Amino acid sequence: MISINRRGFTLIEAVVAMLITALMILVGSDLLINGNRLANTISEQTDAITTARVALDPVGKIVRELRSGENGEYPIIVAEADSFIFYSDVDSDALTEQVEYTVVGTELRQRLIEPSGDPATYDPAATVETVIANGIVNTSLTAEPIFRYYTSDYPTDTTNNPLPTPADVTAITLVAIHLDININPNQLPETSAVETFIQLRNLKTNL
């Protein structure tokens, strides 16, 4: 006669089985949550990089065409590592706006002031500010200058280029913009860089 053992799980065996199942669920949930978090961060990082690349195209055109202000001032006002202030016709209305690119927190911002009055002046109270890129970590993480300035001797002269900041505005003929982007420095992916070099069309022969 065949004997069949119909003994079920003991209480201890049932508890152990439940603990193992619960542990597997916790591990699986943690992996799923971390995976989703990483995927979201990667997506945000990719979006920030794309936004920065797209933004640098019109920025490059605005910087390239900088010119004297409506008040007669020199085309470049301030040339710092994290701030660049100059004059350019941003909206193609034949009037020269005062333009500033600077980083506030992790945002690259554009500040515009339209000229007014006769003789023309630029009223800071009329500033229009726009965020054009985010996730910028130059100042908070990498310590890389956002703006670098070069003379007409570059790239032959790499000893005196880039210029120390604040740069002598009358010596600048080339501007580099370098953005380090990281949406979440505490999590992958690592920092990505977007960079462009801009020849200043109206200052090519400037010494």
Protein backbone atom coordinates (compact mmCIF):
# COMPACT_ATOMS: atom_id res chain seq x y z
CA MET A 1 0.00 0.00 0.00
CA ILE A 2 1.28 3.47 -0.90
CA SER A 3 1.45 5.85 2.02
CA ILE A 4 0.78 9.53 1.33
CA ASN A 5 2.14 12.13 3.73
CA ARG A 6 -0.56 14.73 4.10
CA ARG A 7 1.29 16.77 6.74
CA GLY A 8 0.89 20.51 6.07
CA PHE A 9 3.23 23.38 6.87
CA THR A 10 4.06 23.89 10.52
CA LEU A 11 3.45 27.33 11.98
CA ILE A 12 7.18 28.12 11.92
CA GLU A 13 7.45 27.08 8.28
CA ALA A 14 4.46 29.25 7.37
CA VAL A 15 5.95 32.26 9.18
CA VAL A 16 9.32 31.78 7.46
CA ALA A 17 7.62 31.47 4.07
CA MET A 18 5.66 34.68 4.68
CA LEU A 19 8.79 36.53 5.79
CA ILE A 20 10.67 35.43 2.67
CA THR A 21 7.74 36.46 0.49
CA ALA A 22 7.49 39.85 2.22
CA LEU A 23 11.24 40.40 1.84
CA MET A 24 11.06 39.58 -1.86
CA ILE A 25 8.16 42.01 -2.27
CA LEU A 26 10.08 44.75 -0.44
CA VAL A 27 13.21 44.21 -2.51
CA GLY A 28 11.20 44.12 -5.71
CA SER A 29 9.30 47.28 -4.76
CA ASP A 30 12.51 49.09 -3.86
CA LEU A 31 14.09 48.13 -7.18
CA LEU A 32 10.97 49.26 -9.02
CA ILE A 33 10.82 52.58 -7.17
CA ASN A 34 14.53 53.26 -7.67
CA GLY A 35 14.25 52.25 -11.31
CA ASN A 36 11.35 54.62 -11.88
CA ARG A 37 13.16 57.41 -10.03
CA LEU A 38 16.28 56.91 -12.15
CA ALA A 39 14.22 56.81 -15.34
CA ASN A 40 12.50 60.07 -14.37
CA THR A 41 15.84 61.72 -13.56
CA ILE A 42 17.34 60.58 -16.86
CA SER A 43 14.30 61.97 -18.68
CA GLU A 44 14.54 65.31 -16.83
CA GLN A 45 18.28 65.47 -17.47
CA THR A 46 17.77 64.79 -21.18
CA ASP A 47 15.09 67.48 -21.35
CA ALA A 48 17.35 69.99 -19.56
CA ILE A 49 20.25 69.25 -21.94
CA THR A 50 17.98 69.60 -24.96
CA THR A 51 16.55 72.87 -23.63
CA ALA A 52 20.04 74.26 -23.03
CA ARG A 53 21.23 73.29 -26.51
CA VAL A 54 18.16 74.82 -28.12
CA ALA A 55 18.53 77.99 -26.01
CA LEU A 56 22.18 78.50 -26.91
CA ASP A 57 21.33 78.90 -30.59
CA PRO A 58 19.38 82.19 -30.24
CA VAL A 59 21.69 83.27 -27.41
CA GLY A 60 24.65 82.81 -29.74
CA LYS A 61 22.99 84.95 -32.41
CA ILE A 62 22.19 87.71 -29.92
CA VAL A 63 25.74 87.73 -28.55
CA ARG A 64 27.28 87.54 -32.04
CA GLU A 65 25.46 90.70 -33.12
CA LEU A 66 26.18 92.81 -30.02
CA ARG A 67 26.71 96.51 -30.78
CA SER A 68 26.85 99.92 -29.16
CA GLY A 69 23.91 100.94 -27.00
CA GLU A 70 21.34 103.53 -28.00
CA ASN A 71 23.03 105.72 -25.39
CA GLY A 72 26.35 105.45 -27.25
CA GLU A 73 27.99 103.13 -24.73
CA TYR A 74 30.49 100.44 -25.71
CA PRO A 75 28.85 97.13 -26.80
CA ILE A 76 30.03 95.16 -23.75
CA ILE A 77 29.22 96.44 -20.25
CA VAL A 78 30.25 93.61 -17.90
CA ALA A 79 32.21 90.42 -18.59
CA GLU A 80 32.23 88.21 -15.49
CA ALA A 81 32.60 84.44 -15.15
CA ASP A 82 28.91 84.02 -14.31
CA SER A 83 27.39 87.16 -15.85
CA PHE A 84 27.61 88.82 -19.26
CA ILE A 85 25.98 92.20 -19.90
CA PHE A 86 26.01 93.87 -23.31
CA TYR A 87 23.93 95.63 -25.95
CA SER A 88 22.24 93.93 -28.91
CA ASP A 89 19.11 94.17 -31.04
CA VAL A 90 17.32 91.13 -29.64
CA ASP A 91 13.96 91.48 -31.36
CA SER A 92 15.09 92.96 -34.70
CA ASP A 93 13.20 96.20 -34.12
CA ALA A 94 16.20 98.40 -35.03
CA LEU A 95 16.53 99.39 -31.37
CA THR A 96 19.36 98.10 -29.20
CA GLU A 97 18.37 96.40 -25.97
CA GLN A 98 20.54 95.95 -22.90
CA VAL A 99 20.99 92.20 -22.41
CA GLU A 100 22.21 90.24 -19.44
CA TYR A 101 22.79 86.50 -19.15
CA THR A 102 23.35 85.30 -15.61
CA VAL A 103 22.74 82.29 -13.39
CA VAL A 104 20.39 82.46 -10.41
CA GLY A 105 20.45 79.24 -8.42
CA THR A 106 20.42 76.57 -11.13
CA GLU A 107 18.66 78.71 -13.76
CA LEU A 108 20.25 80.55 -16.66
CA ARG A 109 18.27 83.76 -17.04
CA GLN A 110 18.00 86.40 -19.73
CA ARG A 111 17.31 89.97 -18.65
CA LEU A 112 16.29 92.56 -21.22
CA ILE A 113 15.87 96.31 -20.94
CA GLU A 114 14.38 98.29 -23.83
CA PRO A 115 15.77 101.78 -24.40
CA SER A 116 13.50 104.71 -23.63
CA GLY A 117 13.59 108.49 -23.83
CA ASP A 118 15.68 110.95 -25.80
CA PRO A 119 18.55 110.78 -25.13
CA ALA A 120 18.09 107.04 -24.65
CA THR A 121 18.42 105.44 -21.23
CA TYR A 122 18.00 101.91 -19.87
CA ASP A 123 15.78 101.81 -16.80
CA PRO A 124 16.49 98.75 -14.55
CA ALA A 125 12.86 98.94 -13.40
CA ALA A 126 11.81 97.96 -16.92
CA THR A 127 13.79 94.70 -16.89
CA VAL A 128 12.04 91.68 -18.41
CA GLU A 129 13.49 88.43 -17.08
CA THR A 130 13.15 84.99 -18.67
CA VAL A 131 14.45 81.58 -17.61
CA ILE A 132 16.06 79.98 -20.68
CA ALA A 133 17.73 76.89 -19.16
CA ASN A 134 17.74 75.00 -15.86
CA GLY A 135 19.76 72.38 -14.02
CA ILE A 136 22.88 74.56 -14.31
CA VAL A 137 25.46 73.50 -11.69
CA ASN A 138 28.54 75.53 -12.69
CA THR A 139 28.38 77.69 -9.58
CA SER A 140 27.12 75.05 -7.15
CA LEU A 141 29.00 71.90 -8.19
CA THR A 142 31.68 72.07 -10.88
CA ALA A 143 33.07 75.60 -10.36
CA GLU A 144 33.44 75.90 -14.15
CA PRO A 145 33.06 79.47 -15.48
CA ILE A 146 29.88 79.92 -17.49
CA PHE A 147 31.48 82.60 -19.64
CA ARG A 148 35.04 82.69 -20.94
CA TYR A 149 36.43 85.62 -22.90
CA TYR A 150 39.16 85.63 -25.54
CA THR A 151 41.16 88.18 -27.49
CA SER A 152 41.77 88.25 -31.23
CA ASP A 153 45.09 86.44 -30.57
CA TYR A 154 43.29 83.23 -29.63
CA PRO A 155 43.92 80.36 -30.36
CA THR A 156 47.53 81.28 -31.19
CA ASP A 157 47.98 82.82 -27.76
CA THR A 158 46.84 80.41 -25.06
CA THR A 159 48.99 82.03 -22.37
CA ASN A 160 46.85 85.13 -22.09
CA ASN A 161 43.59 83.42 -23.04
CA PRO A 162 41.01 83.07 -21.73
CA LEU A 163 41.08 86.51 -20.14
CA PRO A 164 40.90 86.77 -16.34
CA THR A 165 37.54 87.98 -15.06
CA PRO A 166 36.20 90.56 -14.78
CA ALA A 167 37.60 90.82 -18.28
CA ASP A 168 38.75 93.95 -20.05
CA VAL A 169 35.69 94.50 -22.24
CA THR A 170 37.70 96.30 -24.92
CA ALA A 171 39.91 93.22 -25.45
CA ILE A 172 37.13 90.70 -26.08
CA THR A 173 36.45 89.37 -29.57
CA LEU A 174 35.30 85.83 -28.74
CA VAL A 175 32.98 84.52 -26.02
CA ALA A 176 32.54 80.92 -24.90
CA ILE A 177 29.46 79.78 -23.00
CA HIS A 178 29.84 76.56 -21.01
CA LEU A 179 26.87 75.05 -19.15
CA ASP A 180 27.27 72.09 -16.79
CA ILE A 181 23.88 70.43 -16.38
CA ASN A 182 22.77 68.07 -13.64
CA ILE A 183 19.15 67.92 -12.50
CA ASN A 184 19.97 65.81 -9.42
CA PRO A 185 23.67 65.76 -8.41
CA ASN A 186 22.93 63.05 -5.82
CA GLN A 187 21.77 60.55 -8.43
CA LEU A 188 22.84 59.26 -11.82
CA PRO A 189 23.22 60.30 -14.61
CA GLU A 190 26.37 62.35 -14.14
CA THR A 191 26.86 65.99 -15.13
CA SER A 192 26.68 66.79 -18.85
CA ALA A 193 28.22 69.82 -20.56
CA VAL A 194 26.88 72.03 -23.34
CA GLU A 195 29.24 74.58 -24.87
CA THR A 196 29.40 77.08 -27.70
CA PHE A 197 32.01 79.57 -28.97
CA ILE A 198 30.75 82.88 -30.37
CA GLN A 199 32.75 85.22 -32.58
CA LEU A 200 31.69 88.83 -31.96
CA ARG A 201 30.99 90.01 -35.48
CA ASN A 202 31.18 93.73 -34.75
CA LEU A 203 34.36 93.47 -32.67
CA LYS A 204 36.54 91.28 -34.92
CA THR A 205 39.17 93.97 -35.34
CA ASN A 206 38.99 95.16 -31.72
CA LEU A 207 42.39 95.32 -29.96
